[in-house]
Structures are given as structure tokens and as C-alpha cells.
């Protein structure tokens, strides 16, 4: 063996050299004088087992060491963003006849001995993470092999779930796990903010430019057991049949696949639990791998148990409009007490609870006291500003200066009350004043109208936002993909022209529903409550 190749073998196959010991290693090198190529070393070792006493696993270990050397010294990353989910080009899946060989590559062998090799066929994965560039080697688990099979053979997760007799959610979890670990590469989300925004956002705002979850806020019925004084819509809209609703879920599944996002279905109404096919549809949504959540009213425990037997929701949200007297004036006698009991019930059932308040001139001073009352009852509490549509037209918004003072008080109180959620986009003005980190605003990305969520009404109408008339299509006649990519949806997504040059654009854009409520143009005028200095 030449000197150069000898040095290469010594370097590449260091674990083999350590395990064999100097005397046996020297015998091996002497016997392989006619095999100068390091890549031939594993096969050559196998051929020497008959003449030199070597561990049975040594040639498998050498194969792993050679592949490790290749991946460490070569860059198989093309640098191109994949169009579809694909296998990491640095990944090698190597069949070996011995378990625990991968463990030999890690740790201090004097302090932390690794398990002894055992005769058993396994696959070893070797790869470099596409983001961290860290090197990994370990035995493949069944879940890894499943994810690789799905991608290599281009199997739809729904079909894979049937083949494996498991849920789509389990299949998608396997794929997501493989992407996080760098075994698979996933294309970026196609839910992206318009890159033509003139004022490029600062680096701290870049995370708010792309969404990886898309929410279908589905008002599946107008039927409700309450009659609130600020209800947006009491019109008669006929709910879909079960088959039509199922077709919506399939359409949404295709949309999420095409946009490379995870889907969430938030069932609401009316009271969604009054939809005659709710339990079936709720399970169907979960079976397709969607996260499911409920915006509803206090519900008897027996009915809740039936729902949660199906699948646990991401959260259950109810509404309170202030302390007991004012809340019951808005939502009906006894609603406040029932709501507190229901929140206790959700906590007992280990369901994440959220409480939403519609902010008006009459309840603004009750928000923080209510937040204190809910501190140990709810997991999250926040508010939306009133939209004066439907029956809400008879209520009043706060005065601007009063509202600004309230926002400062609320943002300060959120520092000590962990359930107070930051939702109103305009709070980011305060965060900027304080040089504090920005938060995502209303939907995690400022105004999310037709960006990372849409509202679907019982009759199939799709709106950019439920809080004001913002019709962008009808899912009974168009696919969600076509609706989302329509010119009109794009206009709502971009928001008001008045906000286009604002440095807070990615986390704000005000509230379109409030702009509409003031009789202004949602595509041209800014939120009348905006207090960002000119």
C-alpha cells in the first residue's frame, strides 16, 4: 500500500484501527498491500476474515466509516430549494448485519462505553442537517423508514394511512419529524407576504413574512343558543349537507398540500355543536391531519366528553363581555356563571381554554378586572375591537384617546398576568416605543385577512374576515386554491394602501373591520385608531 493511501486508511478507518489494536491493524495493512484504494478497504477486510481473526462486524463498521468520510468531505447539497418534499441529498441509508455500530461513532469510549455490537440486520442513516450542517449517524427507526418510503414512492399521506392502518395525522407527524431532523427537505410555505412592499422589514420582522399554518375558520351553522347584542350576522344561511362539508375538507386538504402548510380547522357558528353532523365532521377533520379547535358556548360535560373521545382540540374558546352584570346584559342572564363553570370543566379535562371579549365603550374598564378574575381559570384571555356590523351597529366603540390609554395599561398588565394575550395589532406601536420585541398581532402575522386564514360561512361563502363583509368567493363553486389566489383576495391580503410604507406592516396593518365600521375604504384608509407618529 502506498504511503499516501496508508495515511488515508489510517485516518478514515480510525474506529476500525482502535478496535483491532495495533498488532492486528498492522497485520491487516500488510495483507492489503495490493489494495491501495480506501474505498476498497471494507470489502478487503471481509475477505481477510478467513485468514486473520477479526470481529465479524468489522467490515460493516468499515463501510459506515467510509460513508461517514464521504459525507464529511463532500457537499451533496445542491443549494436549490426543493419544489416538493424530498430526501436530503446527503442522506445515506446503509444496510448492515449488526446493531449498535452507529453508537461507536459517538462519545468517549473510556468514560462512556457504547453497547456491544449484536448480530441483527438494521439500516444505519448518515446525513448532514441542511440548516445546522451538523453531522448525524444513527440506526433508522421504523418511523424514519416510513417517512422515506412515502416520499420516495410519492405516496399521498391519506393513502399511506390506509396502508398502515393509522391516521393521516400520524403519517404527517412522521413526515414533520423527519423534516425537523433534516432527513427530509421540505419546500418553504407558499403563504408569503407580498415581496413588493416598498419598505423592506427589519430583520426582526422577517419571521412574520411567511406562515406555515393556515386556518379555515368554519362557521358551520348560524344556529345559536344565544342572542348576543353585538352578533355580526343573524341572517338565515342554510348549512351544508354532510357530503358537501366532507368535500370542503378534501378541498382544504388539497389546498394545504399545494401551499405546503399545515391546516387547522376552527369550528364556529353560531354554535358549531348545534350543527347536526358536528361529531362526524370534527373527527373527519382530525382524521385528515388538521388541527381542530372550537369557538363555541358553554356546553354540558357529557356532550364535551363525546367530543373529546374523538380527538382533543387545540383549544376551546368562549366569549365573555365583561364582569357578570354587563356580560349577561350582552349575552343573556346566567351566561357569566355558566361560563366560569365551563372554564373549570375545561381545566379538569385538560383542554386549553381561551376567552375572547369584544371591546366596546361600555366594557373597556372591565377588561383588566376580568383578566384578574380569570387568571386561574382560563389559559388565555384577550379582546377584539367591536365591529359595528349586524347587531353590533347599536353599540359604541371607545374614544380614540381612551382606547390608546387602555392599550398601554393592557400591555403593561400583560407583563404580570400570564393569561393576557397580545392580539390587537396596534399594541406593536407600544412595543416599538418601548424597544421591546414585536409580537405577531391579530393572527400571528398582523392582519391575517386572506393571508393565513379565511372565514367560511354555512352556505359556502368565503370571506377574508368574518368581522365585516369581505366576500372573496364561494367554495361550493370554486376551489379554495382559486379563491385564495384571486385578485380580490390579494387586495385584502395586502391591506390598506395607507399602511404599505409603514415599518410595522408585517405585524400590523391595523384592523380592516374597524376601518369598515367607520365607513372608510379598507383598501385605501388606515385604521382610525392608529397612533403611530407620522
Protein backbone atom coordinates (compact mmCIF):
# COMPACT_ATOMS: atom_id res chain seq x y z
CA UNK A 1 0.00 0.00 0.00
CA UNK A 2 1.43 3.43 -0.89
CA UNK A 3 2.26 5.87 1.88
CA UNK A 4 -0.47 8.31 0.87
CA UNK A 5 -3.16 5.63 0.79
CA UNK A 6 -1.85 4.16 4.04
CA UNK A 7 -2.29 7.53 5.75
CA UNK A 8 -5.76 7.86 4.25
CA UNK A 9 -6.80 4.43 5.56
CA UNK A 10 -5.38 5.25 8.99
CA UNK A 11 -7.42 8.47 9.06
CA UNK A 12 -10.73 7.27 7.58
CA UNK A 13 -10.97 3.97 9.43
CA UNK A 14 -9.90 5.19 12.87
CA UNK A 15 -12.62 3.25 14.71
CA UNK A 16 -11.64 0.01 12.99
CA UNK A 17 -7.99 0.70 13.88
CA UNK A 18 -8.85 1.36 17.55
CA UNK A 19 -10.99 -1.78 17.86
CA UNK A 20 -8.47 -4.08 16.16
CA UNK A 21 -5.48 -2.81 18.12
CA UNK A 22 -2.02 -2.02 16.74
CA UNK A 23 -0.81 -5.57 16.19
CA UNK A 24 -3.86 -6.80 14.26
CA UNK A 25 -4.15 -3.50 12.40
CA UNK A 26 -0.56 -3.81 11.18
CA UNK A 27 -1.25 -7.37 10.01
CA UNK A 28 -4.28 -6.11 8.08
CA UNK A 29 -2.31 -3.34 6.39
CA UNK A 30 0.45 -5.74 5.46
CA UNK A 31 -2.05 -8.18 3.98
CA UNK A 32 -3.71 -5.39 1.97
CA UNK A 33 -0.62 -4.12 0.24
CA UNK A 34 -2.25 -4.87 -3.10
CA UNK A 35 -5.41 -2.90 -2.23
CA UNK A 36 -4.37 0.77 -2.32
CA UNK A 37 -7.86 2.31 -2.65
CA UNK A 38 -9.50 3.25 0.70
CA UNK A 39 -12.96 2.71 -0.84
CA UNK A 40 -12.00 -0.97 -1.33
CA UNK A 41 -10.98 -1.36 2.32
CA UNK A 42 -14.36 -2.64 3.68
CA UNK A 43 -14.60 -5.45 1.09
CA UNK A 44 -10.95 -6.29 1.60
CA UNK A 45 -11.49 -6.59 5.35
CA UNK A 46 -14.34 -9.04 4.71
CA UNK A 47 -12.04 -11.19 2.59
CA UNK A 48 -9.41 -11.32 5.38
CA UNK A 49 -11.74 -12.82 8.00
CA UNK A 50 -10.74 -16.34 6.94
CA UNK A 51 -7.01 -15.71 7.49
CA UNK A 52 -6.88 -13.17 10.31
CA UNK A 53 -9.04 -13.33 13.47
CA UNK A 54 -11.26 -10.26 13.05
CA UNK A 55 -14.57 -9.26 14.66
CA UNK A 56 -17.45 -10.42 12.48
CA UNK A 57 -18.86 -6.90 12.30
CA UNK A 58 -15.63 -5.16 11.30
CA UNK A 59 -16.38 -4.89 7.57
CA UNK A 60 -19.83 -3.39 8.27
CA UNK A 61 -18.17 -0.86 10.56
CA UNK A 62 -15.67 -0.04 7.83
CA UNK A 63 -18.50 0.57 5.34
CA UNK A 64 -20.03 3.06 7.73
CA UNK A 65 -16.69 4.78 8.28
CA UNK A 66 -16.13 5.14 4.55
CA UNK A 67 -19.59 6.65 4.06
CA UNK A 68 -19.05 8.99 7.02
CA UNK A 69 -15.84 10.17 5.38
CA UNK A 70 -17.62 10.81 2.09
CA UNK A 71 -20.40 12.85 3.69
CA UNK A 72 -17.96 14.82 5.85
CA UNK A 73 -15.76 15.72 2.91
CA UNK A 74 -18.36 16.13 0.15
CA UNK A 75 -21.20 18.61 -0.07
CA UNK A 76 -24.17 16.94 -1.71
CA UNK A 77 -26.41 19.95 -1.00
CA UNK A 78 -27.39 21.44 -4.36
CA UNK A 79 -28.34 24.72 -2.72
CA UNK A 80 -31.69 24.69 -4.54
CA UNK A 81 -34.98 24.96 -2.70
CA UNK A 82 -36.98 21.78 -3.36
CA UNK A 83 -40.29 22.11 -5.18
CA UNK A 84 -41.75 19.19 -3.24
CA UNK A 85 -40.78 17.32 -0.10
CA UNK A 86 -37.71 15.27 -0.91
CA UNK A 87 -34.93 13.19 0.66
CA UNK A 88 -31.90 15.10 1.95
CA UNK A 89 -29.26 14.60 -0.76
CA UNK A 90 -26.60 13.98 1.91
CA UNK A 91 -28.54 11.07 3.38
CA UNK A 92 -27.21 7.55 3.02
CA UNK A 93 -29.22 4.56 4.21
CA UNK A 94 -26.82 1.65 4.68
CA UNK A 95 -27.95 -1.91 5.45
CA UNK A 96 -25.69 -3.68 7.94
CA UNK A 97 -25.89 -7.01 9.75
CA UNK A 98 -25.06 -5.71 13.22
CA UNK A 99 -26.86 -3.45 15.71
CA UNK A 100 -25.15 -0.68 17.72
CA UNK A 101 -22.44 0.09 15.16
CA UNK A 102 -23.62 3.70 14.86
CA UNK A 103 -23.05 4.19 18.59
CA UNK A 104 -19.34 3.56 18.06
CA UNK A 105 -19.09 6.95 16.34
CA UNK A 106 -20.13 8.93 19.43
CA UNK A 107 -18.80 9.52 22.92
CA UNK A 108 -15.66 8.95 24.89
CA UNK A 109 -15.11 5.20 24.87
CA UNK A 110 -13.04 5.23 28.03
CA UNK A 111 -15.67 7.09 30.05
CA UNK A 112 -18.87 6.09 28.31
CA UNK A 113 -18.65 2.60 26.75
CA UNK A 114 -21.09 2.01 23.92
CA UNK A 115 -23.26 -1.14 23.61
CA UNK A 116 -21.53 -4.14 22.12
CA UNK A 117 -22.49 -4.99 18.51
CA UNK A 118 -25.24 -7.60 18.19
CA UNK A 119 -25.97 -9.72 15.14
CA UNK A 120 -29.21 -8.28 13.78
CA UNK A 121 -29.92 -6.66 10.41
CA UNK A 122 -30.61 -2.91 10.64
CA UNK A 123 -30.27 0.18 8.49
CA UNK A 124 -27.94 2.98 9.52
CA UNK A 125 -28.66 6.55 8.42
CA UNK A 126 -25.85 9.04 7.87
CA UNK A 127 -26.60 12.64 6.91
CA UNK A 128 -25.80 16.30 7.38
CA UNK A 129 -28.58 18.59 8.58
CA UNK A 130 -29.47 21.08 5.81
CA UNK A 131 -29.76 24.07 8.18
CA UNK A 132 -27.39 23.47 11.09
CA UNK A 133 -24.93 21.50 8.90
CA UNK A 134 -24.43 19.17 11.86
CA UNK A 135 -23.39 15.60 11.11
CA UNK A 136 -25.65 12.73 12.23
CA UNK A 137 -25.36 8.95 12.28
CA UNK A 138 -27.83 6.55 13.90
CA UNK A 139 -29.87 3.43 13.28
CA UNK A 140 -33.06 4.04 11.33
CA UNK A 141 -36.32 3.63 13.20
CA UNK A 142 -39.50 2.29 11.62
CA UNK A 143 -40.90 5.83 11.61
CA UNK A 144 -37.85 7.02 9.63
CA UNK A 145 -38.25 4.26 7.06
CA UNK A 146 -41.95 5.04 6.76
CA UNK A 147 -41.27 8.72 6.05
CA UNK A 148 -38.63 7.83 3.45
CA UNK A 149 -40.91 5.32 1.75
CA UNK A 150 -43.76 7.83 1.50
CA UNK A 151 -41.52 10.44 -0.11
CA UNK A 152 -39.52 8.16 -2.41
CA UNK A 153 -42.62 6.36 -3.68
CA UNK A 154 -44.68 9.59 -3.76
CA UNK A 155 -47.47 8.15 -1.64
CA UNK A 156 -50.23 10.53 -0.58
CA UNK A 157 -50.46 10.59 3.26
CA UNK A 158 -54.14 9.63 3.02
CA UNK A 159 -53.21 6.51 1.05
CA UNK A 160 -50.32 5.79 3.42
CA UNK A 161 -52.70 5.95 6.37
CA UNK A 162 -54.91 3.30 4.78
CA UNK A 163 -51.93 1.09 4.00
CA UNK A 164 -50.57 1.43 7.53
CA UNK A 165 -53.97 1.38 9.21
CA UNK A 166 -53.18 4.58 11.06
CA UNK A 167 -54.33 8.19 10.93
CA UNK A 168 -53.25 10.85 8.45
CA UNK A 169 -52.16 12.87 11.47
CA UNK A 170 -49.72 10.10 12.44
CA UNK A 171 -48.34 9.99 8.90
CA UNK A 172 -47.93 13.76 8.78
CA UNK A 173 -46.26 13.70 12.19
CA UNK A 174 -43.75 11.19 10.85
CA UNK A 175 -43.01 13.43 7.87
CA UNK A 176 -42.74 16.53 10.03
CA UNK A 177 -40.38 14.74 12.41
CA UNK A 178 -38.17 13.71 9.50
CA UNK A 179 -38.10 17.29 8.18
CA UNK A 180 -37.17 18.70 11.61
CA UNK A 181 -34.35 16.18 11.91
CA UNK A 182 -33.11 17.02 8.42
CA UNK A 183 -33.73 13.57 6.96
CA UNK A 184 -36.22 15.10 4.54
CA UNK A 185 -36.20 18.52 2.93
CA UNK A 186 -39.44 20.42 2.67
CA UNK A 187 -40.15 23.34 0.35
CA UNK A 188 -40.95 26.58 2.17
CA UNK A 189 -44.52 27.62 2.83
CA UNK A 190 -46.18 29.27 -0.12
CA UNK A 191 -48.11 31.52 2.24
CA UNK A 192 -45.80 34.50 1.81
CA UNK A 193 -46.31 38.22 2.20
CA UNK A 194 -46.14 40.32 -0.96
CA UNK A 195 -42.42 40.98 -1.51
CA UNK A 196 -43.20 44.22 -3.34
CA UNK A 197 -43.72 46.08 -0.04
CA UNK A 198 -41.61 49.22 -0.61
CA UNK A 199 -40.16 49.48 2.90
CA UNK A 200 -38.35 46.24 3.49
CA UNK A 201 -38.98 44.97 7.03
CA UNK A 202 -36.18 44.90 9.53
CA UNK A 203 -34.53 41.60 10.33
CA UNK A 204 -36.62 41.30 13.49
CA UNK A 205 -39.79 41.33 11.38
CA UNK A 206 -38.69 38.73 8.83
CA UNK A 207 -40.26 35.79 10.77
CA UNK A 208 -43.68 37.38 10.23
CA UNK A 209 -43.40 37.24 6.45
CA UNK A 210 -44.20 33.55 6.00
CA UNK A 211 -46.88 31.37 7.65
CA UNK A 212 -46.66 27.59 8.00
CA UNK A 213 -50.21 27.08 9.35
CA UNK A 214 -53.38 28.07 7.51
CA UNK A 215 -56.66 28.31 9.41
CA UNK A 216 -60.08 27.67 7.97
CA UNK A 217 -62.45 29.45 10.35
CA UNK A 218 -65.57 27.50 9.54
CA UNK A 219 -68.94 28.85 10.60
CA UNK A 220 -70.76 25.60 10.02
CA UNK A 221 -74.14 26.81 11.24
CA UNK A 222 -75.98 30.03 12.06
CA UNK A 223 -78.00 28.23 14.73
CA UNK A 224 -77.13 29.51 18.19
CA UNK A 225 -78.45 29.12 21.73
CA UNK A 226 -77.59 32.75 22.49
CA UNK A 227 -78.72 36.05 21.02
CA UNK A 228 -75.89 38.48 21.70
CA UNK A 229 -76.37 42.21 21.29
CA UNK A 230 -73.26 42.54 19.10
CA UNK A 231 -73.76 39.49 16.84
CA UNK A 232 -72.22 40.05 13.41
CA UNK A 233 -74.72 38.02 11.45
CA UNK A 234 -78.15 36.67 12.34
CA UNK A 235 -79.15 36.16 8.71
CA UNK A 236 -80.53 32.83 7.57
CA UNK A 237 -77.84 30.80 5.83
CA UNK A 238 -78.55 27.18 5.09
CA UNK A 239 -75.84 24.79 6.37
CA UNK A 240 -74.15 22.30 4.10
CA UNK A 241 -75.10 18.67 3.92
CA UNK A 242 -72.62 16.27 5.43
CA UNK A 243 -71.37 15.18 1.98
CA UNK A 244 -70.85 18.80 0.89
CA UNK A 245 -68.98 19.54 4.12
CA UNK A 246 -66.79 16.48 3.58
CA UNK A 247 -65.95 17.76 0.10
CA UNK A 248 -64.83 21.04 1.72
CA UNK A 249 -62.39 19.14 3.94
CA UNK A 250 -60.96 17.34 0.91
CA UNK A 251 -60.61 20.65 -0.92
CA UNK A 252 -58.88 22.16 2.10
CA UNK A 253 -56.56 19.15 2.27
CA UNK A 254 -55.52 19.75 -1.35
CA UNK A 255 -55.04 23.46 -0.68
CA UNK A 256 -52.72 22.81 2.26
CA UNK A 257 -50.71 20.27 0.27
CA UNK A 258 -50.38 22.70 -2.61
CA UNK A 259 -49.38 25.61 -0.38
CA UNK A 260 -47.09 23.44 1.77
CA UNK A 261 -48.73 24.42 5.04
CA UNK A 262 -50.34 22.58 7.92
CA UNK A 263 -54.08 23.04 8.09
CA UNK A 264 -56.20 24.00 11.06
CA UNK A 265 -59.99 23.89 11.09
CA UNK A 266 -61.56 26.11 13.72
CA UNK A 267 -65.23 25.19 14.02
CA UNK A 268 -67.54 28.02 14.97
CA UNK A 269 -71.00 29.36 14.18
CA UNK A 270 -73.50 30.23 15.60
CA UNK A 271 -72.81 27.41 17.98
CA UNK A 272 -70.95 24.77 15.96
CA UNK A 273 -72.04 21.98 18.28
CA UNK A 274 -75.61 22.53 17.06
CA UNK A 275 -74.69 21.51 13.52
CA UNK A 276 -76.36 18.09 13.12
CA UNK A 277 -73.23 16.36 11.79
CA UNK A 278 -70.71 18.09 14.04
CA UNK A 279 -69.20 15.00 15.70
CA UNK A 280 -68.61 13.24 12.37
CA UNK A 281 -67.19 16.34 10.70
CA UNK A 282 -64.95 17.13 13.67
CA UNK A 283 -63.49 13.62 13.51
CA UNK A 284 -63.19 13.78 9.70
CA UNK A 285 -61.14 16.97 10.01
CA UNK A 286 -58.85 15.39 12.59
CA UNK A 287 -58.51 12.20 10.51
CA UNK A 288 -57.19 14.29 7.61
CA UNK A 289 -54.39 15.55 9.80
CA UNK A 290 -55.83 19.00 10.51
CA UNK A 291 -55.52 20.62 13.89
CA UNK A 292 -59.04 21.19 15.20
CA UNK A 293 -60.34 23.89 17.52
CA UNK A 294 -63.77 25.06 18.67
CA UNK A 295 -65.19 28.55 19.13
CA UNK A 296 -68.43 27.89 20.94
CA UNK A 297 -70.58 28.37 24.01
CA UNK A 298 -70.59 26.69 27.43
CA UNK A 299 -71.52 23.06 26.83
CA UNK A 300 -72.70 20.24 29.14
CA UNK A 301 -69.92 17.97 30.34
CA UNK A 302 -71.48 14.83 28.86
CA UNK A 303 -71.52 16.38 25.40
CA UNK A 304 -67.94 17.56 25.78
CA UNK A 305 -66.81 14.07 26.72
CA UNK A 306 -68.31 12.73 23.50
CA UNK A 307 -66.37 15.29 21.50
CA UNK A 308 -63.08 14.69 23.26
CA UNK A 309 -63.44 10.93 22.91
CA UNK A 310 -62.95 11.63 19.21
CA UNK A 311 -59.88 13.83 19.47
CA UNK A 312 -58.60 16.54 21.77
CA UNK A 313 -58.99 20.06 20.32
CA UNK A 314 -56.12 22.50 20.17
CA UNK A 315 -58.31 24.81 22.24
CA UNK A 316 -61.90 25.63 23.10
CA UNK A 317 -62.75 29.33 23.00
CA UNK A 318 -65.75 31.00 24.59
CA UNK A 319 -66.65 34.69 24.89
CA UNK A 320 -67.22 36.95 27.87
CA UNK A 321 -68.06 40.63 27.51
CA UNK A 322 -67.02 41.91 30.91
CA UNK A 323 -67.98 41.25 34.51
CA UNK A 324 -71.20 39.46 35.39
CA UNK A 325 -73.78 42.23 35.03
CA UNK A 326 -72.51 43.66 31.74
CA UNK A 327 -71.73 40.24 30.26
CA UNK A 328 -75.24 38.97 30.97
CA UNK A 329 -76.72 42.14 29.52
CA UNK A 330 -74.91 41.34 26.25
CA UNK A 331 -75.15 37.53 26.22
CA UNK A 332 -78.11 36.64 28.38
CA UNK A 333 -78.97 36.03 32.02
CA UNK A 334 -76.82 33.40 33.71
CA UNK A 335 -74.23 33.23 30.94
CA UNK A 336 -71.40 34.53 33.14
CA UNK A 337 -71.82 31.90 35.86
CA UNK A 338 -72.21 29.12 33.28
CA UNK A 339 -69.04 30.31 31.56
CA UNK A 340 -66.93 30.23 34.73
CA UNK A 341 -68.17 26.72 35.48
CA UNK A 342 -67.40 25.67 31.93
CA UNK A 343 -63.85 27.03 32.17
CA UNK A 344 -63.37 24.97 35.33
CA UNK A 345 -64.68 21.97 33.44
CA UNK A 346 -62.21 22.52 30.58
CA UNK A 347 -59.35 22.76 33.06
CA UNK A 348 -60.43 19.49 34.68
CA UNK A 349 -60.47 17.88 31.23
CA UNK A 350 -57.03 19.32 30.42
CA UNK A 351 -58.36 21.31 27.46
CA UNK A 352 -56.62 24.60 26.63
CA UNK A 353 -59.20 27.34 27.21
CA UNK A 354 -59.41 30.73 25.56
CA UNK A 355 -61.72 33.64 26.36
CA UNK A 356 -62.46 36.42 23.89
CA UNK A 357 -64.02 39.80 24.67
CA UNK A 358 -65.47 42.26 22.15
CA UNK A 359 -64.21 45.66 23.26
CA UNK A 360 -66.74 48.50 23.39
CA UNK A 361 -67.04 51.85 25.08
CA UNK A 362 -69.10 50.24 27.84
CA UNK A 363 -66.77 47.39 28.86
CA UNK A 364 -63.31 48.85 28.35
CA UNK A 365 -62.86 49.45 32.09
CA UNK A 366 -63.84 45.84 32.87
CA UNK A 367 -61.19 44.10 30.77
CA UNK A 368 -58.34 44.09 33.29
CA UNK A 369 -60.55 43.19 36.28
CA UNK A 370 -61.98 40.32 34.24
CA UNK A 371 -58.44 39.25 33.37
CA UNK A 372 -57.61 39.05 37.07
CA UNK A 373 -60.76 37.06 37.78
CA UNK A 374 -59.86 34.59 35.01
CA UNK A 375 -56.18 34.33 35.96
CA UNK A 376 -56.53 30.87 37.49
CA UNK A 377 -59.47 29.74 35.36
CA UNK A 378 -58.50 30.32 31.71
CA UNK A 379 -55.30 29.71 29.80
CA UNK A 380 -55.65 32.74 27.53
CA UNK A 381 -57.74 35.91 27.55
CA UNK A 382 -57.76 38.80 25.11
CA UNK A 383 -60.05 41.13 23.18
CA UNK A 384 -61.18 42.15 19.72
CA UNK A 385 -62.37 45.65 18.98
CA UNK A 386 -66.04 45.99 18.17
CA UNK A 387 -67.06 45.81 14.53
CA UNK A 388 -70.29 47.77 14.10
CA UNK A 389 -71.98 45.44 11.66
CA UNK A 390 -75.05 43.31 12.19
CA UNK A 391 -76.47 43.89 15.65
CA UNK A 392 -73.16 45.45 16.72
CA UNK A 393 -74.18 48.67 14.98
CA UNK A 394 -76.16 49.64 18.09
CA UNK A 395 -73.05 49.58 20.32
CA UNK A 396 -70.30 52.18 20.57
CA UNK A 397 -66.55 51.96 20.12
CA UNK A 398 -64.27 53.63 22.67
CA UNK A 399 -62.97 57.14 22.06
CA UNK A 400 -59.55 57.04 20.42
CA UNK A 401 -57.56 58.64 23.26
CA UNK A 402 -59.30 56.47 25.84
CA UNK A 403 -58.50 53.39 23.76
CA UNK A 404 -54.83 54.34 23.45
CA UNK A 405 -54.54 54.77 27.22
CA UNK A 406 -56.24 51.41 27.68
CA UNK A 407 -53.78 49.72 25.30
CA UNK A 408 -50.85 50.99 27.35
CA UNK A 409 -52.45 49.72 30.55
CA UNK A 410 -53.26 46.36 29.00
CA UNK A 411 -49.77 45.87 27.54
CA UNK A 412 -48.26 46.70 30.94
CA UNK A 413 -50.65 44.36 32.78
CA UNK A 414 -49.73 41.52 30.40
CA UNK A 415 -46.24 41.56 31.92
CA UNK A 416 -47.60 40.24 35.22
CA UNK A 417 -50.79 38.42 34.23
CA UNK A 418 -49.75 35.44 32.08
CA UNK A 419 -53.18 34.83 30.57
CA UNK A 420 -53.46 38.30 28.99
CA UNK A 421 -52.79 37.72 25.30
CA UNK A 422 -51.46 40.36 22.94
CA UNK A 423 -53.73 40.39 19.90
CA UNK A 424 -54.63 43.91 18.77
CA UNK A 425 -52.15 44.88 16.07
CA UNK A 426 -51.77 48.42 17.39
CA UNK A 427 -50.04 47.15 20.54
CA UNK A 428 -46.95 46.80 18.35
CA UNK A 429 -46.75 50.59 18.28
CA UNK A 430 -46.28 50.47 22.05
CA UNK A 431 -43.75 47.66 21.69
CA UNK A 432 -41.79 49.80 19.25
CA UNK A 433 -41.90 52.78 21.62
CA UNK A 434 -40.52 50.57 24.41
CA UNK A 435 -37.94 48.98 22.11
CA UNK A 436 -39.47 45.62 23.07
CA UNK A 437 -39.79 42.60 20.81
CA UNK A 438 -42.68 42.69 18.37
CA UNK A 439 -45.45 40.12 18.56
CA UNK A 440 -47.47 38.66 15.71
CA UNK A 441 -50.59 40.74 16.10
CA UNK A 442 -54.10 39.53 15.35
CA UNK A 443 -53.30 36.25 13.61
CA UNK A 444 -49.57 35.94 14.23
CA UNK A 445 -48.82 37.92 11.06
CA UNK A 446 -50.58 41.21 11.69
CA UNK A 447 -53.94 41.36 9.95
CA UNK A 448 -54.32 37.84 8.58
CA UNK A 449 -57.35 38.50 6.38
CA UNK A 450 -57.00 36.23 3.34
CA UNK A 451 -53.37 35.62 4.31
CA UNK A 452 -53.11 32.81 6.86
CA UNK A 453 -56.83 32.36 7.38
CA UNK A 454 -60.21 32.78 5.73
CA UNK A 455 -63.75 32.53 7.08
CA UNK A 456 -66.12 30.01 5.53
CA UNK A 457 -69.83 30.59 6.12
CA UNK A 458 -72.52 27.87 6.29
CA UNK A 459 -73.69 28.45 2.71
CA UNK A 460 -70.18 28.25 1.23
CA UNK A 461 -69.34 31.95 1.09
CA UNK A 462 -65.67 32.61 1.79
CA UNK A 463 -64.75 35.93 3.41
CA UNK A 464 -61.35 37.45 4.06
CA UNK A 465 -62.54 38.23 7.61
CA UNK A 466 -65.75 37.35 9.43
CA UNK A 467 -65.99 40.66 11.25
CA UNK A 468 -67.10 42.61 8.18
CA UNK A 469 -68.46 41.84 4.68
CA UNK A 470 -65.38 40.73 2.71
CA UNK A 471 -66.65 38.16 0.23
CA UNK A 472 -63.91 36.67 -1.93
CA UNK A 473 -65.63 33.58 -3.36
CA UNK A 474 -67.85 30.58 -2.75
CA UNK A 475 -66.32 27.20 -2.02
CA UNK A 476 -69.37 25.45 -3.48
CA UNK A 477 -68.44 26.82 -6.90
CA UNK A 478 -64.66 27.39 -6.68
CA UNK A 479 -61.72 25.65 -5.10
CA UNK A 480 -60.14 27.32 -2.09
CA UNK A 481 -56.90 27.46 -4.07
CA UNK A 482 -58.56 29.56 -6.79
CA UNK A 483 -60.34 31.75 -4.23
CA UNK A 484 -57.10 32.38 -2.34
CA UNK A 485 -55.24 33.34 -5.50
CA UNK A 486 -57.96 35.64 -6.82
CA UNK A 487 -57.22 39.33 -7.34
CA UNK A 488 -59.79 40.30 -4.71
CA UNK A 489 -58.26 38.04 -2.04
CA UNK A 490 -54.90 39.55 -2.90
CA UNK A 491 -56.25 43.05 -2.26
CA UNK A 492 -57.42 42.09 1.22
CA UNK A 493 -54.12 40.34 1.84
CA UNK A 494 -52.14 43.46 1.02
CA UNK A 495 -54.34 45.58 3.26
CA UNK A 496 -54.75 49.32 3.11
CA UNK A 497 -52.58 51.37 0.79
CA UNK A 498 -52.11 53.78 3.69
CA UNK A 499 -50.12 51.10 5.54
CA UNK A 500 -47.93 49.94 2.66
CA UNK A 501 -44.87 52.02 3.58
CA UNK A 502 -45.19 51.54 7.34
CA UNK A 503 -42.25 49.85 9.04
CA UNK A 504 -44.72 47.82 11.15
CA UNK A 505 -46.58 46.49 8.12
CA UNK A 506 -45.68 42.79 8.67
CA UNK A 507 -47.07 42.79 12.22
CA UNK A 508 -49.89 45.32 11.97
CA UNK A 509 -51.88 46.89 9.07
CA UNK A 510 -54.49 47.88 11.66
CA UNK A 511 -57.95 46.29 11.64
CA UNK A 512 -59.87 46.20 8.37
CA UNK A 513 -63.15 45.57 10.22
CA UNK A 514 -62.71 48.78 12.23
CA UNK A 515 -61.83 50.72 9.08
CA UNK A 516 -65.03 49.39 7.51
CA UNK A 517 -67.05 50.23 10.63
CA UNK A 518 -66.04 53.87 10.30
CA UNK A 519 -67.32 53.99 6.72
CA UNK A 520 -63.78 54.18 5.33
CA UNK A 521 -62.20 52.36 2.40
CA UNK A 522 -60.44 49.21 3.65
CA UNK A 523 -58.10 49.25 0.65
CA UNK A 524 -57.05 52.90 0.99
CA UNK A 525 -57.55 54.24 4.51
CA UNK A 526 -55.71 53.37 7.69
CA UNK A 527 -57.14 52.21 10.98
CA UNK A 528 -58.71 55.32 12.57
CA UNK A 529 -57.29 54.27 15.96
CA UNK A 530 -53.69 54.16 14.70
CA UNK A 531 -51.43 56.36 16.83
CA UNK A 532 -48.07 55.74 15.19
CA UNK A 533 -46.28 59.11 14.89
CA UNK A 534 -46.15 60.41 11.31
